[in-house]
């Protein structure tokens, strides 16, 4: 099963930190890769129009943000950038089996590499 997932939170979608699914705000499910890809492209365009900064990777993982959209983290004692993540997943993992996928690696700027050091990585 393929899923197009939109997230909102402190981390870019490619980190897959523990409890990353708690940041999901929308999810679309498909049996066919091309149907999922069509929705991914539509959502990618929507988010790119709404947020001036983005970084998109070849494996259908993208982060969109506005520099002024931050959240104060009490544990970290600093402001954390808030991201809108978009992912095209195969069985809750990055797509690896599709051989002829076009490249989606694009960026408008550098990511502010701030993350809560109290979140753990998923094994």
PDB file of N, CA and C in Angstrom:
ATOM      1  N   UNK A   1       0.841  -1.176   0.000  1.00  0.00           N
ATOM      2  CA  UNK A   1       0.000   0.000   0.000  1.00  0.00           C
ATOM      3  C   UNK A   1       0.885   1.238   0.000  1.00  0.00           C
ATOM      4  N   UNK A   2       0.473   2.230  -0.777  1.00  0.00           N
ATOM      5  CA  UNK A   2       1.172   3.506  -0.855  1.00  0.00           C
ATOM      6  C   UNK A   2       0.377   4.550  -0.085  1.00  0.00           C
ATOM      7  N   UNK A   3       1.106   5.430   0.581  1.00  0.00           N
ATOM      8  CA  UNK A   3       0.469   6.490   1.365  1.00  0.00           C
ATOM      9  C   UNK A   3       1.126   7.829   1.055  1.00  0.00           C
ATOM     10  N   UNK A   4       0.298   8.840   0.871  1.00  0.00           N
ATOM     11  CA  UNK A   4       0.776  10.218   0.800  1.00  0.00           C
ATOM     12  C   UNK A   4       0.398  10.812   2.147  1.00  0.00           C
ATOM     13  N   UNK A   5       1.406  11.260   2.875  1.00  0.00           N
ATOM     14  CA  UNK A   5       1.222  11.708   4.254  1.00  0.00           C
ATOM     15  C   UNK A   5       1.710  13.144   4.393  1.00  0.00           C
ATOM     16  N   UNK A   6       0.879  13.965   5.020  1.00  0.00           N
ATOM     17  CA  UNK A   6       1.294  15.326   5.365  1.00  0.00           C
ATOM     18  C   UNK A   6       1.473  15.389   6.876  1.00  0.00           C
ATOM     19  N   UNK A   7       2.556  16.017   7.294  1.00  0.00           N
ATOM     20  CA  UNK A   7       2.874  16.144   8.712  1.00  0.00           C
ATOM     21  C   UNK A   7       3.057  17.614   9.065  1.00  0.00           C
ATOM     22  N   UNK A   8       2.970  17.904  10.335  1.00  0.00           N
ATOM     23  CA  UNK A   8       3.246  19.251  10.847  1.00  0.00           C
ATOM     24  C   UNK A   8       3.964  19.072  12.170  1.00  0.00           C
ATOM     25  N   UNK A   9       5.168  19.641  12.288  1.00  0.00           N
ATOM     26  CA  UNK A   9       5.893  19.505  13.539  1.00  0.00           C
ATOM     27  C   UNK A   9       7.304  20.053  13.478  1.00  0.00           C
ATOM     28  N   UNK A  10       8.111  19.658  14.465  1.00  0.00           N
ATOM     29  CA  UNK A  10       9.469  20.176  14.651  1.00  0.00           C
ATOM     30  C   UNK A  10      10.511  19.578  13.712  1.00  0.00           C
ATOM     31  N   UNK A  11      10.200  18.479  13.071  1.00  0.00           N
ATOM     32  CA  UNK A  11      11.232  17.746  12.341  1.00  0.00           C
ATOM     33  C   UNK A  11      10.903  17.570  10.863  1.00  0.00           C
ATOM     34  N   UNK A  12      11.963  17.540  10.057  1.00  0.00           N
ATOM     35  CA  UNK A  12      11.810  17.229   8.656  1.00  0.00           C
ATOM     36  C   UNK A  12      11.363  15.768   8.549  1.00  0.00           C
ATOM     37  N   UNK A  13      10.627  15.416   7.523  1.00  0.00           N
ATOM     38  CA  UNK A  13      10.032  14.075   7.471  1.00  0.00           C
ATOM     39  C   UNK A  13      11.030  12.933   7.338  1.00  0.00           C
ATOM     40  N   UNK A  14      12.238  13.171   6.857  1.00  0.00           N
ATOM     41  CA  UNK A  14      13.182  12.084   6.645  1.00  0.00           C
ATOM     42  C   UNK A  14      13.857  11.594   7.919  1.00  0.00           C
ATOM     43  N   UNK A  15      13.633  12.236   9.037  1.00  0.00           N
ATOM     44  CA  UNK A  15      14.259  11.780  10.274  1.00  0.00           C
ATOM     45  C   UNK A  15      13.570  10.559  10.869  1.00  0.00           C
ATOM     46  N   UNK A  16      12.283  10.422  10.707  1.00  0.00           N
ATOM     47  CA  UNK A  16      11.536   9.294  11.267  1.00  0.00           C
ATOM     48  C   UNK A  16      11.854   9.085  12.752  1.00  0.00           C
ATOM     49  N   UNK A  17      11.804  10.176  13.503  1.00  0.00           N
ATOM     50  CA  UNK A  17      12.005  10.071  14.943  1.00  0.00           C
ATOM     51  C   UNK A  17      10.895   9.221  15.571  1.00  0.00           C
ATOM     52  N   UNK A  18      11.162   8.743  16.763  1.00  0.00           N
ATOM     53  CA  UNK A  18      10.164   7.981  17.504  1.00  0.00           C
ATOM     54  C   UNK A  18       8.875   8.809  17.602  1.00  0.00           C
ATOM     55  N   UNK A  19       7.758   8.168  17.438  1.00  0.00           N
ATOM     56  CA  UNK A  19       6.437   8.811  17.496  1.00  0.00           C
ATOM     57  C   UNK A  19       6.216   9.822  16.367  1.00  0.00           C
ATOM     58  N   UNK A  20       6.894   9.688  15.240  1.00  0.00           N
ATOM     59  CA  UNK A  20       6.728  10.621  14.136  1.00  0.00           C
ATOM     60  C   UNK A  20       5.305  10.619  13.600  1.00  0.00           C
ATOM     61  N   UNK A  21       4.604   9.518  13.737  1.00  0.00           N
ATOM     62  CA  UNK A  21       3.231   9.440  13.212  1.00  0.00           C
ATOM     63  C   UNK A  21       2.261  10.351  13.968  1.00  0.00           C
ATOM     64  N   UNK A  22       2.632  10.790  15.162  1.00  0.00           N
ATOM     65  CA  UNK A  22       1.785  11.723  15.909  1.00  0.00           C
ATOM     66  C   UNK A  22       1.689  13.080  15.212  1.00  0.00           C
ATOM     67  N   UNK A  23       2.634  13.377  14.313  1.00  0.00           N
ATOM     68  CA  UNK A  23       2.647  14.652  13.597  1.00  0.00           C
ATOM     69  C   UNK A  23       1.805  14.625  12.316  1.00  0.00           C
ATOM     70  N   UNK A  24       1.190  13.500  11.991  1.00  0.00           N
ATOM     71  CA  UNK A  24       0.400  13.384  10.761  1.00  0.00           C
ATOM     72  C   UNK A  24      -0.868  14.225  10.872  1.00  0.00           C
ATOM     73  N   UNK A  25      -1.097  15.048   9.842  1.00  0.00           N
ATOM     74  CA  UNK A  25      -2.316  15.866   9.792  1.00  0.00           C
ATOM     75  C   UNK A  25      -3.232  15.443   8.643  1.00  0.00           C
ATOM     76  N   UNK A  26      -2.703  14.705   7.659  1.00  0.00           N
ATOM     77  CA  UNK A  26      -3.526  14.199   6.549  1.00  0.00           C
ATOM     78  C   UNK A  26      -2.865  12.955   5.970  1.00  0.00           C
ATOM     79  N   UNK A  27      -3.701  12.030   5.485  1.00  0.00           N
ATOM     80  CA  UNK A  27      -3.175  10.779   4.928  1.00  0.00           C
ATOM     81  C   UNK A  27      -4.106  10.314   3.815  1.00  0.00           C
ATOM     82  N   UNK A  28      -3.517   9.924   2.684  1.00  0.00           N
ATOM     83  CA  UNK A  28      -4.256   9.371   1.553  1.00  0.00           C
ATOM     84  C   UNK A  28      -3.652   8.000   1.249  1.00  0.00           C
ATOM     85  N   UNK A  29      -4.471   6.986   1.029  1.00  0.00           N
ATOM     86  CA  UNK A  29      -3.968   5.630   0.798  1.00  0.00           C
ATOM     87  C   UNK A  29      -4.348   5.140  -0.594  1.00  0.00           C
ATOM     88  N   UNK A  30      -3.411   4.402  -1.224  1.00  0.00           N
ATOM     89  CA  UNK A  30      -3.586   3.931  -2.595  1.00  0.00           C
ATOM     90  C   UNK A  30      -2.981   2.541  -2.751  1.00  0.00           C
ATOM     91  N   UNK A  31      -3.555   1.765  -3.659  1.00  0.00           N
ATOM     92  CA  UNK A  31      -2.971   0.478  -4.029  1.00  0.00           C
ATOM     93  C   UNK A  31      -2.005   0.633  -5.200  1.00  0.00           C
ATOM     94  N   UNK A  32      -2.181   1.707  -5.975  1.00  0.00           N
ATOM     95  CA  UNK A  32      -1.393   1.926  -7.177  1.00  0.00           C
ATOM     96  C   UNK A  32      -0.391   3.066  -6.963  1.00  0.00           C
ATOM     97  N   UNK A  33       0.868   2.831  -7.324  1.00  0.00           N
ATOM     98  CA  UNK A  33       1.909   3.839  -7.154  1.00  0.00           C
ATOM     99  C   UNK A  33       1.584   5.123  -7.918  1.00  0.00           C
ATOM    100  N   UNK A  34       1.115   5.002  -9.158  1.00  0.00           N
ATOM    101  CA  UNK A  34       0.872   6.186  -9.980  1.00  0.00           C
ATOM    102  C   UNK A  34      -0.262   7.049  -9.450  1.00  0.00           C
ATOM    103  N   UNK A  35      -1.266   6.446  -8.868  1.00  0.00           N
ATOM    104  CA  UNK A  35      -2.330   7.221  -8.230  1.00  0.00           C
ATOM    105  C   UNK A  35      -1.772   7.997  -7.044  1.00  0.00           C
ATOM    106  N   UNK A  36      -0.928   7.340  -6.259  1.00  0.00           N
ATOM    107  CA  UNK A  36      -0.297   8.006  -5.119  1.00  0.00           C
ATOM    108  C   UNK A  36       0.624   9.126  -5.585  1.00  0.00           C
ATOM    109  N   UNK A  37       1.382   8.874  -6.645  1.00  0.00           N
ATOM    110  CA  UNK A  37       2.305   9.879  -7.174  1.00  0.00           C
ATOM    111  C   UNK A  37       1.551  11.115  -7.656  1.00  0.00           C
ATOM    112  N   UNK A  38       0.410  10.923  -8.277  1.00  0.00           N
ATOM    113  CA  UNK A  38      -0.398  12.047  -8.747  1.00  0.00           C
ATOM    114  C   UNK A  38      -0.817  12.938  -7.575  1.00  0.00           C
ATOM    115  N   UNK A  39      -1.288  12.332  -6.494  1.00  0.00           N
ATOM    116  CA  UNK A  39      -1.695  13.107  -5.318  1.00  0.00           C
ATOM    117  C   UNK A  39      -0.481  13.748  -4.660  1.00  0.00           C
ATOM    118  N   UNK A  40       0.648  13.033  -4.599  1.00  0.00           N
ATOM    119  CA  UNK A  40       1.877  13.606  -4.045  1.00  0.00           C
ATOM    120  C   UNK A  40       2.259  14.876  -4.810  1.00  0.00           C
ATOM    121  N   UNK A  41       2.224  14.821  -6.147  1.00  0.00           N
ATOM    122  CA  UNK A  41       2.569  15.990  -6.960  1.00  0.00           C
ATOM    123  C   UNK A  41       1.623  17.160  -6.687  1.00  0.00           C
ATOM    124  N   UNK A  42       0.330  16.871  -6.594  1.00  0.00           N
ATOM    125  CA  UNK A  42      -0.652  17.926  -6.317  1.00  0.00           C
ATOM    126  C   UNK A  42      -0.404  18.567  -4.953  1.00  0.00           C
ATOM    127  N   UNK A  43      -0.170  17.740  -3.943  1.00  0.00           N
ATOM    128  CA  UNK A  43       0.088  18.253  -2.598  1.00  0.00           C
ATOM    129  C   UNK A  43       1.420  18.989  -2.540  1.00  0.00           C
ATOM    130  N   UNK A  44       2.417  18.505  -3.267  1.00  0.00           N
ATOM    131  CA  UNK A  44       3.723  19.165  -3.319  1.00  0.00           C
ATOM    132  C   UNK A  44       3.563  20.572  -3.882  1.00  0.00           C
ATOM    133  N   UNK A  45       2.819  20.698  -4.964  1.00  0.00           N
ATOM    134  CA  UNK A  45       2.590  22.013  -5.574  1.00  0.00           C
ATOM    135  C   UNK A  45       1.831  22.936  -4.622  1.00  0.00           C
ATOM    136  N   UNK A  46       0.821  22.416  -3.944  1.00  0.00           N
ATOM    137  CA  UNK A  46       0.042  23.219  -2.993  1.00  0.00           C
ATOM    138  C   UNK A  46       0.936  23.760  -1.883  1.00  0.00           C
ATOM    139  N   UNK A  47       1.763  22.894  -1.308  1.00  0.00           N
ATOM    140  CA  UNK A  47       2.644  23.321  -0.217  1.00  0.00           C
ATOM    141  C   UNK A  47       3.735  24.270  -0.712  1.00  0.00           C
ATOM    142  N   UNK A  48       4.246  24.057  -1.923  1.00  0.00           N
ATOM    143  CA  UNK A  48       5.278  24.947  -2.475  1.00  0.00           C
ATOM    144  C   UNK A  48       4.722  26.350  -2.713  1.00  0.00           C
ATOM    145  N   UNK A  49       3.452  26.446  -3.058  1.00  0.00           N
ATOM    146  CA  UNK A  49       2.833  27.772  -3.230  1.00  0.00           C
ATOM    147  C   UNK A  49       2.617  28.455  -1.881  1.00  0.00           C
ATOM    148  N   UNK A  50       2.356  27.666  -0.843  1.00  0.00           N
ATOM    149  CA  UNK A  50       2.022  28.229   0.470  1.00  0.00           C
ATOM    150  C   UNK A  50       3.249  28.577   1.316  1.00  0.00           C
ATOM    151  N   UNK A  51       4.372  27.895   1.089  1.00  0.00           N
ATOM    152  CA  UNK A  51       5.558  28.079   1.934  1.00  0.00           C
ATOM    153  C   UNK A  51       6.764  28.391   1.068  1.00  0.00           C
ATOM    154  N   UNK A  52       7.453  29.513   1.327  1.00  0.00           N
ATOM    155  CA  UNK A  52       8.545  29.956   0.457  1.00  0.00           C
ATOM    156  C   UNK A  52       9.810  29.105   0.538  1.00  0.00           C
ATOM    157  N   UNK A  53      10.008  28.407   1.619  1.00  0.00           N
ATOM    158  CA  UNK A  53      11.216  27.599   1.787  1.00  0.00           C
ATOM    159  C   UNK A  53      10.839  26.125   1.700  1.00  0.00           C
ATOM    160  N   UNK A  54      11.641  25.354   0.983  1.00  0.00           N
ATOM    161  CA  UNK A  54      11.393  23.916   0.932  1.00  0.00           C
ATOM    162  C   UNK A  54      12.659  23.164   0.572  1.00  0.00           C
ATOM    163  N   UNK A  55      12.673  21.914   0.933  1.00  0.00           N
ATOM    164  CA  UNK A  55      13.717  20.973   0.531  1.00  0.00           C
ATOM    165  C   UNK A  55      13.019  19.658   0.248  1.00  0.00           C
ATOM    166  N   UNK A  56      13.260  19.144  -0.935  1.00  0.00           N
ATOM    167  CA  UNK A  56      12.615  17.924  -1.382  1.00  0.00           C
ATOM    168  C   UNK A  56      13.694  16.935  -1.799  1.00  0.00           C
ATOM    169  N   UNK A  57      13.551  15.698  -1.386  1.00  0.00           N
ATOM    170  CA  UNK A  57      14.547  14.671  -1.675  1.00  0.00           C
ATOM    171  C   UNK A  57      14.044  13.714  -2.746  1.00  0.00           C
ATOM    172  N   UNK A  58      14.978  12.975  -3.353  1.00  0.00           N
ATOM    173  CA  UNK A  58      14.636  12.037  -4.420  1.00  0.00           C
ATOM    174  C   UNK A  58      13.675  10.948  -3.980  1.00  0.00           C
ATOM    175  N   UNK A  59      13.659  10.626  -2.703  1.00  0.00           N
ATOM    176  CA  UNK A  59      12.835   9.518  -2.228  1.00  0.00           C
ATOM    177  C   UNK A  59      11.445   9.969  -1.784  1.00  0.00           C
ATOM    178  N   UNK A  60      10.930  11.041  -2.394  1.00  0.00           N
ATOM    179  CA  UNK A  60       9.577  11.530  -2.164  1.00  0.00           C
ATOM    180  C   UNK A  60       9.339  11.978  -0.728  1.00  0.00           C
ATOM    181  N   UNK A  61      10.325  12.602  -0.133  1.00  0.00           N
ATOM    182  CA  UNK A  61      10.211  13.200   1.194  1.00  0.00           C
ATOM    183  C   UNK A  61      10.521  14.683   1.041  1.00  0.00           C
ATOM    184  N   UNK A  62       9.631  15.540   1.537  1.00  0.00           N
ATOM    185  CA  UNK A  62       9.812  16.976   1.365  1.00  0.00           C
ATOM    186  C   UNK A  62       9.427  17.716   2.635  1.00  0.00           C
ATOM    187  N   UNK A  63      10.136  18.810   2.884  1.00  0.00           N
ATOM    188  CA  UNK A  63       9.829  19.689   4.021  1.00  0.00           C
ATOM    189  C   UNK A  63       9.598  21.096   3.482  1.00  0.00           C
ATOM    190  N   UNK A  64       8.552  21.743   3.974  1.00  0.00           N
ATOM    191  CA  UNK A  64       8.192  23.099   3.595  1.00  0.00           C
ATOM    192  C   UNK A  64       8.097  23.918   4.879  1.00  0.00           C
ATOM    193  N   UNK A  65       8.537  25.185   4.831  1.00  0.00           N
ATOM    194  CA  UNK A  65       8.490  25.997   6.040  1.00  0.00           C
ATOM    195  C   UNK A  65       8.543  27.477   5.723  1.00  0.00           C
ATOM    196  N   UNK A  66       8.188  28.255   6.717  1.00  0.00           N
ATOM    197  CA  UNK A  66       8.356  29.709   6.731  1.00  0.00           C
ATOM    198  C   UNK A  66       9.269  30.006   7.909  1.00  0.00           C
ATOM    199  N   UNK A  67      10.302  30.770   7.698  1.00  0.00           N
ATOM    200  CA  UNK A  67      11.301  31.019   8.746  1.00  0.00           C
ATOM    201  C   UNK A  67      10.702  31.563  10.038  1.00  0.00           C
ATOM    202  N   UNK A  68       9.625  32.303   9.941  1.00  0.00           N
ATOM    203  CA  UNK A  68       9.024  32.906  11.136  1.00  0.00           C
ATOM    204  C   UNK A  68       8.134  31.935  11.919  1.00  0.00           C
ATOM    205  N   UNK A  69       7.859  30.765  11.366  1.00  0.00           N
ATOM    206  CA  UNK A  69       6.992  29.781  12.029  1.00  0.00           C
ATOM    207  C   UNK A  69       7.831  28.888  12.941  1.00  0.00           C
ATOM    208  N   UNK A  70       7.925  29.270  14.205  1.00  0.00           N
ATOM    209  CA  UNK A  70       8.710  28.507  15.182  1.00  0.00           C
ATOM    210  C   UNK A  70       7.861  28.218  16.415  1.00  0.00           C
ATOM    211  N   UNK A  71       8.340  27.297  17.229  1.00  0.00           N
ATOM    212  CA  UNK A  71       7.667  26.935  18.477  1.00  0.00           C
ATOM    213  C   UNK A  71       8.714  26.895  19.568  1.00  0.00           C
ATOM    214  N   UNK A  72       8.382  27.468  20.718  1.00  0.00           N
ATOM    215  CA  UNK A  72       9.299  27.436  21.855  1.00  0.00           C
ATOM    216  C   UNK A  72       9.274  26.046  22.479  1.00  0.00           C
ATOM    217  N   UNK A  73      10.437  25.470  22.653  1.00  0.00           N
ATOM    218  CA  UNK A  73      10.576  24.145  23.256  1.00  0.00           C
ATOM    219  C   UNK A  73      11.090  24.331  24.681  1.00  0.00           C
ATOM    220  N   UNK A  74      10.264  23.986  25.662  1.00  0.00           N
ATOM    221  CA  UNK A  74      10.666  24.127  27.062  1.00  0.00           C
ATOM    222  C   UNK A  74      11.852  23.230  27.401  1.00  0.00           C
ATOM    223  N   UNK A  75      11.830  21.987  26.895  1.00  0.00           N
ATOM    224  CA  UNK A  75      12.919  21.048  27.193  1.00  0.00           C
ATOM    225  C   UNK A  75      14.243  21.510  26.599  1.00  0.00           C
ATOM    226  N   UNK A  76      14.183  22.072  25.383  1.00  0.00           N
ATOM    227  CA  UNK A  76      15.401  22.494  24.681  1.00  0.00           C
ATOM    228  C   UNK A  76      15.827  23.911  25.033  1.00  0.00           C
ATOM    229  N   UNK A  77      14.875  24.700  25.545  1.00  0.00           N
ATOM    230  CA  UNK A  77      15.119  26.100  25.873  1.00  0.00           C
ATOM    231  C   UNK A  77      15.519  26.902  24.627  1.00  0.00           C
ATOM    232  N   UNK A  78      14.811  26.640  23.510  1.00  0.00           N
ATOM    233  CA  UNK A  78      15.049  27.393  22.281  1.00  0.00           C
ATOM    234  C   UNK A  78      13.850  27.255  21.345  1.00  0.00           C
ATOM    235  N   UNK A  79      13.825  28.118  20.342  1.00  0.00           N
ATOM    236  CA  UNK A  79      12.787  28.053  19.326  1.00  0.00           C
ATOM    237  C   UNK A  79      13.130  26.963  18.317  1.00  0.00           C
ATOM    238  N   UNK A  80      12.120  26.180  17.940  1.00  0.00           N
ATOM    239  CA  UNK A  80      12.304  25.139  16.937  1.00  0.00           C
ATOM    240  C   UNK A  80      11.487  25.482  15.702  1.00  0.00           C
ATOM    241  N   UNK A  81      12.104  25.317  14.562  1.00  0.00           N
ATOM    242  CA  UNK A  81      11.409  25.540  13.295  1.00  0.00           C
ATOM    243  C   UNK A  81      10.256  24.553  13.163  1.00  0.00           C
ATOM    244  N   UNK A  82       9.127  25.021  12.624  1.00  0.00           N
ATOM    245  CA  UNK A  82       7.981  24.154  12.370  1.00  0.00           C
ATOM    246  C   UNK A  82       7.923  23.847  10.877  1.00  0.00           C
ATOM    247  N   UNK A  83       7.760  22.579  10.546  1.00  0.00           N
ATOM    248  CA  UNK A  83       7.769  22.109   9.167  1.00  0.00           C
ATOM    249  C   UNK A  83       6.426  21.509   8.788  1.00  0.00           C
ATOM    250  N   UNK A  84       6.132  21.623   7.511  1.00  0.00           N
ATOM    251  CA  UNK A  84       5.047  20.872   6.897  1.00  0.00           C
ATOM    252  C   UNK A  84       5.757  19.817   6.055  1.00  0.00           C
ATOM    253  N   UNK A  85       5.648  18.582   6.462  1.00  0.00           N
ATOM    254  CA  UNK A  85       6.312  17.508   5.751  1.00  0.00           C
ATOM    255  C   UNK A  85       5.348  16.828   4.797  1.00  0.00           C
ATOM    256  N   UNK A  86       5.880  16.360   3.683  1.00  0.00           N
ATOM    257  CA  UNK A  86       5.093  15.597   2.722  1.00  0.00           C
ATOM    258  C   UNK A  86       5.890  14.366   2.360  1.00  0.00           C
ATOM    259  N   UNK A  87       5.228  13.215   2.393  1.00  0.00           N
ATOM    260  CA  UNK A  87       5.920  11.962   2.139  1.00  0.00           C
ATOM    261  C   UNK A  87       5.057  11.063   1.265  1.00  0.00           C
ATOM    262  N   UNK A  88       5.705  10.377   0.343  1.00  0.00           N
ATOM    263  CA  UNK A  88       5.068   9.291  -0.382  1.00  0.00           C
ATOM    264  C   UNK A  88       5.738   8.023   0.130  1.00  0.00           C
ATOM    265  N   UNK A  89       4.962   7.199   0.792  1.00  0.00           N
ATOM    266  CA  UNK A  89       5.502   6.025   1.470  1.00  0.00           C
ATOM    267  C   UNK A  89       4.939   4.736   0.883  1.00  0.00           C
ATOM    268  N   UNK A  90       5.711   3.697   1.008  1.00  0.00           N
ATOM    269  CA  UNK A  90       5.268   2.347   0.669  1.00  0.00           C
ATOM    270  C   UNK A  90       5.299   1.546   1.966  1.00  0.00           C
ATOM    271  N   UNK A  91       4.123   1.154   2.434  1.00  0.00           N
ATOM    272  CA  UNK A  91       4.009   0.418   3.706  1.00  0.00           C
ATOM    273  C   UNK A  91       4.740   1.140   4.836  1.00  0.00           C
ATOM    274  N   UNK A  92       4.528   2.428   4.970  1.00  0.00           N
ATOM    275  CA  UNK A  92       5.072   3.294   6.019  1.00  0.00           C
ATOM    276  C   UNK A  92       6.587   3.478   5.953  1.00  0.00           C
ATOM    277  N   UNK A  93       7.190   3.188   4.799  1.00  0.00           N
ATOM    278  CA  UNK A  93       8.628   3.376   4.609  1.00  0.00           C
ATOM    279  C   UNK A  93       8.852   4.136   3.305  1.00  0.00           C
ATOM    280  N   UNK A  94       9.994   4.819   3.156  1.00  0.00           N
ATOM    281  CA  UNK A  94      10.272   5.492   1.888  1.00  0.00           C
ATOM    282  C   UNK A  94      10.199   4.506   0.717  1.00  0.00           C
ATOM    283  N   UNK A  95       9.728   4.988  -0.423  1.00  0.00           N
ATOM    284  CA  UNK A  95       9.582   4.152  -1.616  1.00  0.00           C
ATOM    285  C   UNK A  95      10.959   3.734  -2.102  1.00  0.00           C
ATOM    286  N   UNK A  96      11.165   2.423  -2.216  1.00  0.00           N
ATOM    287  CA  UNK A  96      12.442   1.909  -2.703  1.00  0.00           C
ATOM    288  C   UNK A  96      12.271   1.013  -3.918  1.00  0.00           C
ATOM    289  N   UNK A  97      11.084   0.478  -4.141  1.00  0.00           N
ATOM    290  CA  UNK A  97      10.902  -0.537  -5.175  1.00  0.00           C
ATOM    291  C   UNK A  97      10.575   0.032  -6.549  1.00  0.00           C
ATOM    292  N   UNK A  98      10.276   1.313  -6.668  1.00  0.00           N
ATOM    293  CA  UNK A  98       9.921   1.891  -7.956  1.00  0.00           C
ATOM    294  C   UNK A  98      11.183   2.343  -8.672  1.00  0.00           C
ATOM    295  N   UNK A  99      11.536   1.655  -9.764  1.00  0.00           N
ATOM    296  CA  UNK A  99      12.821   1.876 -10.430  1.00  0.00           C
ATOM    297  C   UNK A  99      12.890   3.159 -11.252  1.00  0.00           C
ATOM    298  N   UNK A 100      11.806   3.562 -11.887  1.00  0.00           N
ATOM    299  CA  UNK A 100      11.862   4.651 -12.855  1.00  0.00           C
ATOM    300  C   UNK A 100      11.228   5.932 -12.334  1.00  0.00           C
ATOM    301  N   UNK A 101      11.471   6.223 -11.098  1.00  0.00           N
ATOM    302  CA  UNK A 101      10.884   7.430 -10.521  1.00  0.00           C
ATOM    303  C   UNK A 101      11.687   8.663 -10.933  1.00  0.00           C
ATOM    304  N   UNK A 102      11.000   9.748 -11.221  1.00  0.00           N
ATOM    305  CA  UNK A 102      11.712  10.990 -11.553  1.00  0.00           C
ATOM    306  C   UNK A 102      12.327  11.604 -10.293  1.00  0.00           C
ATOM    307  N   UNK A 103      13.323  12.419 -10.487  1.00  0.00           N
ATOM    308  CA  UNK A 103      13.980  13.040  -9.343  1.00  0.00           C
ATOM    309  C   UNK A 103      13.132  14.190  -8.805  1.00  0.00           C
ATOM    310  N   UNK A 104      12.939  14.214  -7.514  1.00  0.00           N
ATOM    311  CA  UNK A 104      12.219  15.296  -6.851  1.00  0.00           C
ATOM    312  C   UNK A 104      13.136  16.076  -5.918  1.00  0.00           C
ATOM    313  N   UNK A 105      14.434  15.940  -6.092  1.00  0.00           N
ATOM    314  CA  UNK A 105      15.382  16.652  -5.234  1.00  0.00           C
ATOM    315  C   UNK A 105      15.444  18.116  -5.660  1.00  0.00           C
ATOM    316  N   UNK A 106      14.852  18.991  -4.852  1.00  0.00           N
ATOM    317  CA  UNK A 106      14.817  20.423  -5.125  1.00  0.00           C
ATOM    318  C   UNK A 106      14.905  21.153  -3.794  1.00  0.00           C
ATOM    319  N   UNK A 107      15.369  22.396  -3.837  1.00  0.00           N
ATOM    320  CA  UNK A 107      15.443  23.162  -2.590  1.00  0.00           C
ATOM    321  C   UNK A 107      15.448  24.653  -2.895  1.00  0.00           C
ATOM    322  N   UNK A 108      14.914  25.438  -1.968  1.00  0.00           N
ATOM    323  CA  UNK A 108      14.975  26.887  -2.076  1.00  0.00           C
ATOM    324  C   UNK A 108      15.997  27.473  -1.129  1.00  0.00           C
ATOM    325  N   UNK A 109      16.432  26.709  -0.170  1.00  0.00           N
ATOM    326  CA  UNK A 109      17.376  27.243   0.805  1.00  0.00           C
ATOM    327  C   UNK A 109      17.868  26.148   1.720  1.00  0.00           C
ATOM    328  N   UNK A 110      18.642  26.559   2.679  1.00  0.00           N
ATOM    329  CA  UNK A 110      19.190  25.608   3.630  1.00  0.00           C
ATOM    330  C   UNK A 110      18.215  25.406   4.778  1.00  0.00           C
ATOM    331  N   UNK A 111      18.170  24.204   5.271  1.00  0.00           N
ATOM    332  CA  UNK A 111      17.323  23.909   6.422  1.00  0.00           C
ATOM    333  C   UNK A 111      17.954  24.451   7.682  1.00  0.00           C
ATOM    334  N   UNK A 112      17.164  25.064   8.531  1.00  0.00           N
ATOM    335  CA  UNK A 112      17.692  25.427   9.846  1.00  0.00           C
ATOM    336  C   UNK A 112      17.811  24.147  10.668  1.00  0.00           C
ATOM    337  N   UNK A 113      19.003  23.667  10.882  1.00  0.00           N
ATOM    338  CA  UNK A 113      19.197  22.376  11.535  1.00  0.00           C
ATOM    339  C   UNK A 113      19.045  22.487  13.052  1.00  0.00           C
ATOM    340  N   UNK A 114      17.832  22.749  13.476  1.00  0.00           N
ATOM    341  CA  UNK A 114      17.513  22.777  14.893  1.00  0.00           C
ATOM    342  C   UNK A 114      16.531  21.651  15.147  1.00  0.00           C
ATOM    343  N   UNK A 115      16.801  20.851  16.120  1.00  0.00           N
ATOM    344  CA  UNK A 115      15.844  19.821  16.477  1.00  0.00           C
ATOM    345  C   UNK A 115      15.945  19.580  17.970  1.00  0.00           C
ATOM    346  N   UNK A 116      14.877  19.080  18.509  1.00  0.00           N
ATOM    347  CA  UNK A 116      14.831  18.812  19.937  1.00  0.00           C
ATOM    348  C   UNK A 116      15.737  17.634  20.247  1.00  0.00           C
ATOM    349  N   UNK A 117      16.723  17.848  21.039  1.00  0.00           N
ATOM    350  CA  UNK A 117      17.675  16.781  21.340  1.00  0.00           C
ATOM    351  C   UNK A 117      17.081  15.738  22.307  1.00  0.00           C
ATOM    352  N   UNK A 118      15.872  15.941  22.738  1.00  0.00           N
ATOM    353  CA  UNK A 118      15.235  15.000  23.649  1.00  0.00           C
ATOM    354  C   UNK A 118      14.387  13.973  22.917  1.00  0.00           C
ATOM    355  N   UNK A 119      14.279  14.084  21.597  1.00  0.00           N
ATOM    356  CA  UNK A 119      13.554  13.093  20.805  1.00  0.00           C
ATOM    357  C   UNK A 119      14.531  12.045  20.357  1.00  0.00           C
ATOM    358  N   UNK A 120      14.125  10.790  20.397  1.00  0.00           N
ATOM    359  CA  UNK A 120      15.010   9.699  19.993  1.00  0.00           C
ATOM    360  C   UNK A 120      14.724   9.218  18.601  1.00  0.00           C
ATOM    361  N   UNK A 121      15.730   8.654  17.948  1.00  0.00           N
ATOM    362  CA  UNK A 121      15.543   8.063  16.637  1.00  0.00           C
ATOM    363  C   UNK A 121      14.863   6.711  16.757  1.00  0.00           C
ATOM    364  N   UNK A 122      14.079   6.367  15.740  1.00  0.00           N
ATOM    365  CA  UNK A 122      13.451   5.056  15.684  1.00  0.00           C
ATOM    366  C   UNK A 122      14.500   4.045  15.277  1.00  0.00           C
ATOM    367  N   UNK A 123      14.517   2.911  15.898  1.00  0.00           N
ATOM    368  CA  UNK A 123      15.482   1.863  15.545  1.00  0.00           C
ATOM    369  C   UNK A 123      15.115   1.208  14.233  1.00  0.00           C
TER     370      UNK A 123
END
